[in-house]
């Protein structure tokens, strides 16, 4: 009797399970729920967005800069700048690399970079002396071979200088001109910074004996410029700054580079030349093509 009751219960449970499965198969299917946008809290937690959001379709065009270089040649009595330590306290002499600074200092030239805000102080010091200022300006994106004539028609001069290895080298020149050759361009990967290069050049007049026929000879003169690349200067001038070039205390010796280029012998006294190079950078507008402007 108990066995029959147990079998009947099993049969009833089987019938109920089958009915439930049939109802689920006949019920209408629910529509798929679309994915929702992430909330603000979830968005903040995404540190690395998908590549499609950060990838740029076009490359960033290179910005072109126009540079206007102002050159000021100021003549003051000798020692007014070269032996004035109060003047050099307002100039950053470490803006140029140490080997270049030391080499030029030993050869009679002192350099440094000053901020434009210091110009009023310099002007007060220069106003105390009878200064003679000769300004000049040059403009361009990349300018080469600007010749600044420092001394012209020098009958004879001896030039001794220390090279990069520390050796003393001497040369003699007849009927020569002393020139500072300047170039400037935008400094790579430094927006608004100007890279300024200065190289001393001695342009001398030489003679060459040329044979004419079997016996006669003739003398021909030619101009020979000689660049002193070991004594050149390359410095990056930041925005709103200017470069100062003046004689150093070692320039008192007549055969040094600073004496031959930056110190002049007057009728009654010696004078020295203070050079100021102030670049001003302008950002050029991008030129749009004609096809882009037409409808």
C-alpha atoms as a PDB file:
ATOM      1  CA  UNK A   1       0.000   0.000   0.000  1.00  0.00           C
ATOM      2  CA  UNK A   2       2.851   2.407   0.884  1.00  0.00           C
ATOM      3  CA  UNK A   3       4.601   1.607  -2.361  1.00  0.00           C
ATOM      4  CA  UNK A   4       1.520   2.578  -4.394  1.00  0.00           C
ATOM      5  CA  UNK A   5       1.236   5.935  -2.518  1.00  0.00           C
ATOM      6  CA  UNK A   6       4.916   6.725  -3.162  1.00  0.00           C
ATOM      7  CA  UNK A   7       4.575   5.986  -6.892  1.00  0.00           C
ATOM      8  CA  UNK A   8       1.485   8.177  -7.146  1.00  0.00           C
ATOM      9  CA  UNK A   9       3.370  11.118  -5.526  1.00  0.00           C
ATOM     10  CA  UNK A  10       6.247  10.745  -7.954  1.00  0.00           C
ATOM     11  CA  UNK A  11       3.814  10.770 -10.883  1.00  0.00           C
ATOM     12  CA  UNK A  12       2.146  13.973  -9.626  1.00  0.00           C
ATOM     13  CA  UNK A  13       5.513  15.781  -9.224  1.00  0.00           C
ATOM     14  CA  UNK A  14       6.542  14.800 -12.753  1.00  0.00           C
ATOM     15  CA  UNK A  15       3.292  16.176 -14.181  1.00  0.00           C
ATOM     16  CA  UNK A  16       3.797  19.511 -12.352  1.00  0.00           C
ATOM     17  CA  UNK A  17       7.403  19.911 -13.586  1.00  0.00           C
ATOM     18  CA  UNK A  18       6.322  19.315 -17.169  1.00  0.00           C
ATOM     19  CA  UNK A  19       3.561  21.925 -16.865  1.00  0.00           C
ATOM     20  CA  UNK A  20       6.046  24.530 -15.583  1.00  0.00           C
ATOM     21  CA  UNK A  21       8.477  23.913 -18.452  1.00  0.00           C
ATOM     22  CA  UNK A  22       5.661  24.213 -20.963  1.00  0.00           C
ATOM     23  CA  UNK A  23       4.590  27.587 -19.491  1.00  0.00           C
ATOM     24  CA  UNK A  24       8.125  29.026 -19.684  1.00  0.00           C
ATOM     25  CA  UNK A  25       8.503  28.034 -23.333  1.00  0.00           C
ATOM     26  CA  UNK A  26       5.149  29.616 -24.252  1.00  0.00           C
ATOM     27  CA  UNK A  27       5.781  32.906 -22.366  1.00  0.00           C
ATOM     28  CA  UNK A  28       6.803  35.954 -24.524  1.00  0.00           C
ATOM     29  CA  UNK A  29      10.513  36.734 -24.484  1.00  0.00           C
ATOM     30  CA  UNK A  30      11.644  40.021 -22.905  1.00  0.00           C
ATOM     31  CA  UNK A  31      13.507  42.560 -25.004  1.00  0.00           C
ATOM     32  CA  UNK A  32      17.269  42.882 -24.418  1.00  0.00           C
ATOM     33  CA  UNK A  33      18.169  45.835 -22.194  1.00  0.00           C
ATOM     34  CA  UNK A  34      20.610  48.207 -23.974  1.00  0.00           C
ATOM     35  CA  UNK A  35      23.892  48.952 -22.160  1.00  0.00           C
ATOM     36  CA  UNK A  36      23.727  52.126 -20.133  1.00  0.00           C
ATOM     37  CA  UNK A  37      26.333  54.881 -20.265  1.00  0.00           C
ATOM     38  CA  UNK A  38      28.785  54.885 -17.379  1.00  0.00           C
ATOM     39  CA  UNK A  39      28.016  57.241 -14.543  1.00  0.00           C
ATOM     40  CA  UNK A  40      30.279  60.127 -13.508  1.00  0.00           C
ATOM     41  CA  UNK A  41      31.794  58.056 -10.755  1.00  0.00           C
ATOM     42  CA  UNK A  42      32.568  55.238 -13.213  1.00  0.00           C
ATOM     43  CA  UNK A  43      33.966  57.736 -15.747  1.00  0.00           C
ATOM     44  CA  UNK A  44      36.416  59.158 -13.204  1.00  0.00           C
ATOM     45  CA  UNK A  45      37.691  55.649 -12.523  1.00  0.00           C
ATOM     46  CA  UNK A  46      38.732  55.181 -16.211  1.00  0.00           C
ATOM     47  CA  UNK A  47      42.384  56.219 -16.183  1.00  0.00           C
ATOM     48  CA  UNK A  48      43.182  54.961 -19.689  1.00  0.00           C
ATOM     49  CA  UNK A  49      40.431  55.836 -22.209  1.00  0.00           C
ATOM     50  CA  UNK A  50      40.059  53.824 -25.406  1.00  0.00           C
ATOM     51  CA  UNK A  51      42.542  54.460 -28.205  1.00  0.00           C
ATOM     52  CA  UNK A  52      39.800  55.837 -30.453  1.00  0.00           C
ATOM     53  CA  UNK A  53      39.339  58.781 -28.072  1.00  0.00           C
ATOM     54  CA  UNK A  54      42.986  59.742 -27.684  1.00  0.00           C
ATOM     55  CA  UNK A  55      44.169  59.095 -31.234  1.00  0.00           C
ATOM     56  CA  UNK A  56      44.574  62.292 -33.300  1.00  0.00           C
ATOM     57  CA  UNK A  57      43.754  62.067 -36.961  1.00  0.00           C
ATOM     58  CA  UNK A  58      46.061  64.875 -38.169  1.00  0.00           C
ATOM     59  CA  UNK A  59      49.554  65.814 -37.018  1.00  0.00           C
ATOM     60  CA  UNK A  60      50.015  69.092 -35.160  1.00  0.00           C
ATOM     61  CA  UNK A  61      51.485  71.666 -37.585  1.00  0.00           C
ATOM     62  CA  UNK A  62      54.820  73.187 -36.625  1.00  0.00           C
ATOM     63  CA  UNK A  63      54.507  76.740 -35.322  1.00  0.00           C
ATOM     64  CA  UNK A  64      56.514  79.327 -37.264  1.00  0.00           C
ATOM     65  CA  UNK A  65      58.129  82.251 -35.443  1.00  0.00           C
ATOM     66  CA  UNK A  66      59.411  85.552 -36.812  1.00  0.00           C
ATOM     67  CA  UNK A  67      62.361  87.013 -34.922  1.00  0.00           C
ATOM     68  CA  UNK A  68      63.369  90.660 -34.782  1.00  0.00           C
ATOM     69  CA  UNK A  69      66.888  91.035 -33.393  1.00  0.00           C
ATOM     70  CA  UNK A  70      67.771  94.408 -31.922  1.00  0.00           C
ATOM     71  CA  UNK A  71      71.517  95.108 -31.697  1.00  0.00           C
ATOM     72  CA  UNK A  72      72.781  97.951 -29.496  1.00  0.00           C
ATOM     73  CA  UNK A  73      76.420  99.048 -29.599  1.00  0.00           C
ATOM     74  CA  UNK A  74      77.175 101.229 -26.579  1.00  0.00           C
ATOM     75  CA  UNK A  75      80.533 102.978 -26.246  1.00  0.00           C
ATOM     76  CA  UNK A  76      81.634 103.934 -22.716  1.00  0.00           C
ATOM     77  CA  UNK A  77      84.963 104.839 -21.096  1.00  0.00           C
ATOM     78  CA  UNK A  78      87.198 101.847 -20.539  1.00  0.00           C
ATOM     79  CA  UNK A  79      86.469 100.037 -17.256  1.00  0.00           C
ATOM     80  CA  UNK A  80      82.890 101.317 -16.941  1.00  0.00           C
ATOM     81  CA  UNK A  81      81.490  97.834 -17.630  1.00  0.00           C
ATOM     82  CA  UNK A  82      84.430  95.407 -17.720  1.00  0.00           C
ATOM     83  CA  UNK A  83      85.564  96.259 -14.174  1.00  0.00           C
ATOM     84  CA  UNK A  84      82.163  97.105 -12.683  1.00  0.00           C
ATOM     85  CA  UNK A  85      81.100  94.105 -10.580  1.00  0.00           C
ATOM     86  CA  UNK A  86      77.863  95.805  -9.512  1.00  0.00           C
ATOM     87  CA  UNK A  87      76.859  95.844 -13.161  1.00  0.00           C
ATOM     88  CA  UNK A  88      77.427  92.088 -13.570  1.00  0.00           C
ATOM     89  CA  UNK A  89      75.442  91.187 -10.452  1.00  0.00           C
ATOM     90  CA  UNK A  90      72.263  91.802 -12.464  1.00  0.00           C
ATOM     91  CA  UNK A  91      73.358  89.460 -15.280  1.00  0.00           C
ATOM     92  CA  UNK A  92      73.115  85.670 -15.280  1.00  0.00           C
ATOM     93  CA  UNK A  93      76.585  84.615 -16.395  1.00  0.00           C
ATOM     94  CA  UNK A  94      75.684  80.930 -15.925  1.00  0.00           C
ATOM     95  CA  UNK A  95      73.114  81.013 -18.738  1.00  0.00           C
ATOM     96  CA  UNK A  96      75.915  79.992 -21.127  1.00  0.00           C
ATOM     97  CA  UNK A  97      77.653  76.637 -20.785  1.00  0.00           C
ATOM     98  CA  UNK A  98      80.695  76.729 -18.513  1.00  0.00           C
ATOM     99  CA  UNK A  99      83.427  75.728 -21.058  1.00  0.00           C
ATOM    100  CA  UNK A 100      82.363  78.456 -23.492  1.00  0.00           C
ATOM    101  CA  UNK A 101      82.158  81.081 -20.752  1.00  0.00           C
ATOM    102  CA  UNK A 102      85.596  80.231 -19.322  1.00  0.00           C
ATOM    103  CA  UNK A 103      87.248  80.167 -22.751  1.00  0.00           C
ATOM    104  CA  UNK A 104      85.854  83.569 -23.759  1.00  0.00           C
ATOM    105  CA  UNK A 105      86.638  85.087 -20.345  1.00  0.00           C
ATOM    106  CA  UNK A 106      90.319  84.091 -20.645  1.00  0.00           C
ATOM    107  CA  UNK A 107      90.377  85.632 -24.116  1.00  0.00           C
ATOM    108  CA  UNK A 108      89.047  88.975 -22.893  1.00  0.00           C
ATOM    109  CA  UNK A 109      85.280  88.627 -23.536  1.00  0.00           C
ATOM    110  CA  UNK A 110      82.588  88.479 -20.842  1.00  0.00           C
ATOM    111  CA  UNK A 111      79.044  87.343 -21.600  1.00  0.00           C
ATOM    112  CA  UNK A 112      75.729  86.787 -19.826  1.00  0.00           C
ATOM    113  CA  UNK A 113      71.953  86.833 -20.177  1.00  0.00           C
ATOM    114  CA  UNK A 114      69.761  89.387 -18.390  1.00  0.00           C
ATOM    115  CA  UNK A 115      66.005  89.728 -18.022  1.00  0.00           C
ATOM    116  CA  UNK A 116      64.210  92.562 -19.787  1.00  0.00           C
ATOM    117  CA  UNK A 117      63.064  93.881 -16.402  1.00  0.00           C
ATOM    118  CA  UNK A 118      66.709  94.753 -15.584  1.00  0.00           C
ATOM    119  CA  UNK A 119      67.071  97.210 -18.452  1.00  0.00           C
ATOM    120  CA  UNK A 120      66.085 100.219 -16.305  1.00  0.00           C
ATOM    121  CA  UNK A 121      68.942  99.443 -13.919  1.00  0.00           C
ATOM    122  CA  UNK A 122      71.428  99.163 -16.777  1.00  0.00           C
ATOM    123  CA  UNK A 123      70.217 102.432 -18.219  1.00  0.00           C
ATOM    124  CA  UNK A 124      70.813 104.247 -14.912  1.00  0.00           C
ATOM    125  CA  UNK A 125      74.416 103.004 -14.804  1.00  0.00           C
ATOM    126  CA  UNK A 126      75.052 103.868 -18.444  1.00  0.00           C
ATOM    127  CA  UNK A 127      73.554 107.335 -17.978  1.00  0.00           C
ATOM    128  CA  UNK A 128      76.346 108.095 -15.497  1.00  0.00           C
ATOM    129  CA  UNK A 129      78.892 107.898 -18.326  1.00  0.00           C
ATOM    130  CA  UNK A 130      78.979 109.657 -21.690  1.00  0.00           C
ATOM    131  CA  UNK A 131      77.728 106.662 -23.653  1.00  0.00           C
ATOM    132  CA  UNK A 132      77.321 106.567 -27.401  1.00  0.00           C
ATOM    133  CA  UNK A 133      74.614 104.175 -28.594  1.00  0.00           C
ATOM    134  CA  UNK A 134      74.313 102.817 -32.133  1.00  0.00           C
ATOM    135  CA  UNK A 135      71.146 100.700 -32.533  1.00  0.00           C
ATOM    136  CA  UNK A 136      70.367  98.290 -35.358  1.00  0.00           C
ATOM    137  CA  UNK A 137      67.638  95.766 -36.177  1.00  0.00           C
ATOM    138  CA  UNK A 138      67.422  92.585 -38.267  1.00  0.00           C
ATOM    139  CA  UNK A 139      64.317  90.481 -38.944  1.00  0.00           C
ATOM    140  CA  UNK A 140      63.695  86.997 -40.304  1.00  0.00           C
ATOM    141  CA  UNK A 141      62.821  83.406 -39.503  1.00  0.00           C
ATOM    142  CA  UNK A 142      66.361  82.064 -39.943  1.00  0.00           C
ATOM    143  CA  UNK A 143      69.058  84.648 -40.653  1.00  0.00           C
ATOM    144  CA  UNK A 144      72.715  83.954 -41.410  1.00  0.00           C
ATOM    145  CA  UNK A 145      75.871  85.980 -42.075  1.00  0.00           C
ATOM    146  CA  UNK A 146      75.122  89.323 -40.410  1.00  0.00           C
ATOM    147  CA  UNK A 147      78.462  91.148 -40.287  1.00  0.00           C
ATOM    148  CA  UNK A 148      78.872  93.712 -37.508  1.00  0.00           C
ATOM    149  CA  UNK A 149      81.950  95.839 -38.214  1.00  0.00           C
ATOM    150  CA  UNK A 150      83.811  96.409 -34.937  1.00  0.00           C
ATOM    151  CA  UNK A 151      87.133  97.831 -36.209  1.00  0.00           C
ATOM    152  CA  UNK A 152      87.924  98.793 -39.796  1.00  0.00           C
ATOM    153  CA  UNK A 153      91.183  99.488 -41.626  1.00  0.00           C
ATOM    154  CA  UNK A 154      93.485  98.307 -38.871  1.00  0.00           C
ATOM    155  CA  UNK A 155      97.032  98.680 -40.260  1.00  0.00           C
ATOM    156  CA  UNK A 156      98.547  95.906 -38.157  1.00  0.00           C
ATOM    157  CA  UNK A 157      97.527  93.737 -35.208  1.00  0.00           C
ATOM    158  CA  UNK A 158      98.750  90.729 -33.227  1.00  0.00           C
ATOM    159  CA  UNK A 159      96.085  88.331 -31.965  1.00  0.00           C
ATOM    160  CA  UNK A 160      96.907  85.756 -29.296  1.00  0.00           C
ATOM    161  CA  UNK A 161      94.187  83.500 -27.941  1.00  0.00           C
ATOM    162  CA  UNK A 162      93.686  80.311 -25.945  1.00  0.00           C
ATOM    163  CA  UNK A 163      92.106  77.503 -27.934  1.00  0.00           C
ATOM    164  CA  UNK A 164      89.807  74.773 -26.586  1.00  0.00           C
ATOM    165  CA  UNK A 165      92.784  72.623 -25.509  1.00  0.00           C
ATOM    166  CA  UNK A 166      94.312  75.468 -23.485  1.00  0.00           C
ATOM    167  CA  UNK A 167      97.198  76.178 -25.858  1.00  0.00           C
ATOM    168  CA  UNK A 168      98.178  79.733 -26.702  1.00  0.00           C
ATOM    169  CA  UNK A 169      97.973  80.492 -30.424  1.00  0.00           C
ATOM    170  CA  UNK A 170      99.284  83.675 -32.046  1.00  0.00           C
ATOM    171  CA  UNK A 171      98.636  85.300 -35.417  1.00  0.00           C
ATOM    172  CA  UNK A 172      99.587  88.568 -37.087  1.00  0.00           C
ATOM    173  CA  UNK A 173      97.385  90.440 -39.587  1.00  0.00           C
ATOM    174  CA  UNK A 174      98.085  93.366 -41.931  1.00  0.00           C
ATOM    175  CA  UNK A 175      95.464  95.836 -43.157  1.00  0.00           C
ATOM    176  CA  UNK A 176      92.523  93.998 -41.642  1.00  0.00           C
ATOM    177  CA  UNK A 177      88.939  94.480 -40.460  1.00  0.00           C
ATOM    178  CA  UNK A 178      87.556  92.932 -37.265  1.00  0.00           C
ATOM    179  CA  UNK A 179      83.992  91.671 -37.659  1.00  0.00           C
ATOM    180  CA  UNK A 180      81.443  89.842 -35.513  1.00  0.00           C
ATOM    181  CA  UNK A 181      79.398  87.471 -37.680  1.00  0.00           C
ATOM    182  CA  UNK A 182      75.938  86.893 -36.196  1.00  0.00           C
ATOM    183  CA  UNK A 183      73.206  84.370 -36.965  1.00  0.00           C
ATOM    184  CA  UNK A 184      69.912  83.618 -35.236  1.00  0.00           C
ATOM    185  CA  UNK A 185      66.982  81.216 -35.520  1.00  0.00           C
ATOM    186  CA  UNK A 186      64.224  79.730 -33.308  1.00  0.00           C
ATOM    187  CA  UNK A 187      65.619  77.213 -30.822  1.00  0.00           C
ATOM    188  CA  UNK A 188      64.293  73.678 -31.471  1.00  0.00           C
ATOM    189  CA  UNK A 189      61.628  72.452 -29.034  1.00  0.00           C
ATOM    190  CA  UNK A 190      61.789  75.759 -27.082  1.00  0.00           C
ATOM    191  CA  UNK A 191      58.836  77.980 -28.084  1.00  0.00           C
ATOM    192  CA  UNK A 192      59.728  81.662 -27.923  1.00  0.00           C
ATOM    193  CA  UNK A 193      63.465  81.013 -27.410  1.00  0.00           C
ATOM    194  CA  UNK A 194      66.038  82.346 -29.891  1.00  0.00           C
ATOM    195  CA  UNK A 195      69.308  80.579 -30.641  1.00  0.00           C
ATOM    196  CA  UNK A 196      71.964  83.226 -31.228  1.00  0.00           C
ATOM    197  CA  UNK A 197      75.390  82.512 -32.712  1.00  0.00           C
ATOM    198  CA  UNK A 198      78.369  84.906 -32.802  1.00  0.00           C
ATOM    199  CA  UNK A 199      81.731  84.192 -34.435  1.00  0.00           C
ATOM    200  CA  UNK A 200      84.723  86.589 -34.592  1.00  0.00           C
ATOM    201  CA  UNK A 201      86.143  87.104 -38.083  1.00  0.00           C
ATOM    202  CA  UNK A 202      89.314  88.890 -39.192  1.00  0.00           C
ATOM    203  CA  UNK A 203      89.159  90.021 -42.805  1.00  0.00           C
ATOM    204  CA  UNK A 204      92.689  90.806 -43.941  1.00  0.00           C
ATOM    205  CA  UNK A 205      94.142  92.062 -47.206  1.00  0.00           C
ATOM    206  CA  UNK A 206      96.854  89.777 -48.543  1.00  0.00           C
ATOM    207  CA  UNK A 207      99.175  89.831 -51.517  1.00  0.00           C
ATOM    208  CA  UNK A 208     100.156  87.017 -53.829  1.00  0.00           C
ATOM    209  CA  UNK A 209     103.061  87.070 -56.268  1.00  0.00           C
ATOM    210  CA  UNK A 210     102.008  85.681 -59.646  1.00  0.00           C
ATOM    211  CA  UNK A 211     104.489  84.867 -62.394  1.00  0.00           C
ATOM    212  CA  UNK A 212     103.896  86.627 -65.705  1.00  0.00           C
ATOM    213  CA  UNK A 213     105.950  85.164 -68.521  1.00  0.00           C
ATOM    214  CA  UNK A 214     109.416  83.810 -67.943  1.00  0.00           C
ATOM    215  CA  UNK A 215     110.918  86.673 -65.916  1.00  0.00           C
ATOM    216  CA  UNK A 216     108.325  89.231 -64.827  1.00  0.00           C
ATOM    217  CA  UNK A 217     106.032  88.891 -61.787  1.00  0.00           C
ATOM    218  CA  UNK A 218     102.997  90.836 -60.616  1.00  0.00           C
ATOM    219  CA  UNK A 219     101.502  91.303 -57.143  1.00  0.00           C
ATOM    220  CA  UNK A 220      97.776  90.685 -56.735  1.00  0.00           C
ATOM    221  CA  UNK A 221      95.812  91.570 -53.632  1.00  0.00           C
ATOM    222  CA  UNK A 222      92.836  89.635 -52.298  1.00  0.00           C
ATOM    223  CA  UNK A 223      90.661  89.727 -49.191  1.00  0.00           C
ATOM    224  CA  UNK A 224      90.967  86.695 -46.939  1.00  0.00           C
ATOM    225  CA  UNK A 225      88.363  86.300 -44.151  1.00  0.00           C
ATOM    226  CA  UNK A 226      89.426  84.026 -41.299  1.00  0.00           C
ATOM    227  CA  UNK A 227      86.792  82.715 -38.862  1.00  0.00           C
ATOM    228  CA  UNK A 228      87.823  81.798 -35.338  1.00  0.00           C
ATOM    229  CA  UNK A 229      85.382  78.951 -34.791  1.00  0.00           C
ATOM    230  CA  UNK A 230      86.998  77.939 -31.501  1.00  0.00           C
ATOM    231  CA  UNK A 231      86.040  81.331 -30.049  1.00  0.00           C
ATOM    232  CA  UNK A 232      82.459  81.367 -31.276  1.00  0.00           C
ATOM    233  CA  UNK A 233      79.401  81.690 -29.064  1.00  0.00           C
ATOM    234  CA  UNK A 234      76.065  79.859 -29.277  1.00  0.00           C
ATOM    235  CA  UNK A 235      73.446  80.680 -26.644  1.00  0.00           C
ATOM    236  CA  UNK A 236      69.685  80.227 -26.253  1.00  0.00           C
ATOM    237  CA  UNK A 237      68.039  83.521 -25.308  1.00  0.00           C
ATOM    238  CA  UNK A 238      64.684  82.995 -23.525  1.00  0.00           C
ATOM    239  CA  UNK A 239      61.647  85.161 -24.097  1.00  0.00           C
ATOM    240  CA  UNK A 240      61.923  88.682 -22.603  1.00  0.00           C
ATOM    241  CA  UNK A 241      65.693  88.385 -22.173  1.00  0.00           C
ATOM    242  CA  UNK A 242      68.780  89.770 -23.902  1.00  0.00           C
ATOM    243  CA  UNK A 243      72.445  88.842 -24.314  1.00  0.00           C
ATOM    244  CA  UNK A 244      75.231  91.095 -23.028  1.00  0.00           C
ATOM    245  CA  UNK A 245      78.738  90.968 -24.535  1.00  0.00           C
ATOM    246  CA  UNK A 246      81.499  93.153 -23.095  1.00  0.00           C
ATOM    247  CA  UNK A 247      85.236  93.044 -22.411  1.00  0.00           C
ATOM    248  CA  UNK A 248      86.429  91.032 -19.417  1.00  0.00           C
ATOM    249  CA  UNK A 249      89.233  92.163 -17.089  1.00  0.00           C
ATOM    250  CA  UNK A 250      91.607  90.030 -19.228  1.00  0.00           C
ATOM    251  CA  UNK A 251      90.828  92.328 -22.163  1.00  0.00           C
ATOM    252  CA  UNK A 252      93.293  94.897 -20.882  1.00  0.00           C
ATOM    253  CA  UNK A 253      96.105  93.032 -22.686  1.00  0.00           C
ATOM    254  CA  UNK A 254      96.532  94.500 -26.215  1.00  0.00           C
ATOM    255  CA  UNK A 255      96.813  91.149 -28.047  1.00  0.00           C
ATOM    256  CA  UNK A 256      93.646  89.519 -26.643  1.00  0.00           C
ATOM    257  CA  UNK A 257      90.431  88.977 -28.565  1.00  0.00           C
ATOM    258  CA  UNK A 258      88.465  91.323 -26.305  1.00  0.00           C
ATOM    259  CA  UNK A 259      90.993  94.132 -26.755  1.00  0.00           C
ATOM    260  CA  UNK A 260      91.189  93.834 -30.538  1.00  0.00           C
ATOM    261  CA  UNK A 261      87.403  93.695 -30.994  1.00  0.00           C
ATOM    262  CA  UNK A 262      85.843  95.617 -28.091  1.00  0.00           C
ATOM    263  CA  UNK A 263      88.395  98.238 -26.947  1.00  0.00           C
ATOM    264  CA  UNK A 264      89.241 101.310 -29.020  1.00  0.00           C
ATOM    265  CA  UNK A 265      92.127 103.747 -28.721  1.00  0.00           C
ATOM    266  CA  UNK A 266      90.827 107.317 -28.832  1.00  0.00           C
ATOM    267  CA  UNK A 267      92.751 110.575 -29.199  1.00  0.00           C
ATOM    268  CA  UNK A 268      92.882 111.170 -25.438  1.00  0.00           C
ATOM    269  CA  UNK A 269      91.426 108.028 -23.768  1.00  0.00           C
ATOM    270  CA  UNK A 270      90.435 104.441 -24.383  1.00  0.00           C
ATOM    271  CA  UNK A 271      86.824 103.344 -24.770  1.00  0.00           C
ATOM    272  CA  UNK A 272      85.170  99.952 -24.601  1.00  0.00           C
ATOM    273  CA  UNK A 273      82.164  98.622 -26.487  1.00  0.00           C
ATOM    274  CA  UNK A 274      79.172  97.004 -24.805  1.00  0.00           C
ATOM    275  CA  UNK A 275      77.068  94.862 -27.167  1.00  0.00           C
ATOM    276  CA  UNK A 276      73.435  94.052 -26.354  1.00  0.00           C
ATOM    277  CA  UNK A 277      71.462  91.571 -28.478  1.00  0.00           C
ATOM    278  CA  UNK A 278      67.738  91.590 -27.728  1.00  0.00           C
ATOM    279  CA  UNK A 279      65.543  89.198 -29.774  1.00  0.00           C
ATOM    280  CA  UNK A 280      61.777  89.719 -29.960  1.00  0.00           C
ATOM    281  CA  UNK A 281      59.727  86.735 -31.128  1.00  0.00           C
ATOM    282  CA  UNK A 282      56.470  87.007 -33.066  1.00  0.00           C
ATOM    283  CA  UNK A 283      54.151  84.110 -33.834  1.00  0.00           C
ATOM    284  CA  UNK A 284      53.216  83.914 -37.501  1.00  0.00           C
ATOM    285  CA  UNK A 285      49.645  83.257 -38.570  1.00  0.00           C
ATOM    286  CA  UNK A 286      48.944  80.087 -40.483  1.00  0.00           C
ATOM    287  CA  UNK A 287      48.303  80.769 -44.159  1.00  0.00           C
ATOM    288  CA  UNK A 288      45.033  79.236 -45.307  1.00  0.00           C
ATOM    289  CA  UNK A 289      44.805  77.815 -48.769  1.00  0.00           C
ATOM    290  CA  UNK A 290      42.570  79.460 -51.360  1.00  0.00           C
ATOM    291  CA  UNK A 291      40.557  76.287 -51.837  1.00  0.00           C
ATOM    292  CA  UNK A 292      39.621  76.215 -48.176  1.00  0.00           C
ATOM    293  CA  UNK A 293      38.276  79.769 -48.255  1.00  0.00           C
ATOM    294  CA  UNK A 294      36.079  79.234 -51.325  1.00  0.00           C
ATOM    295  CA  UNK A 295      32.557  77.844 -50.771  1.00  0.00           C
END
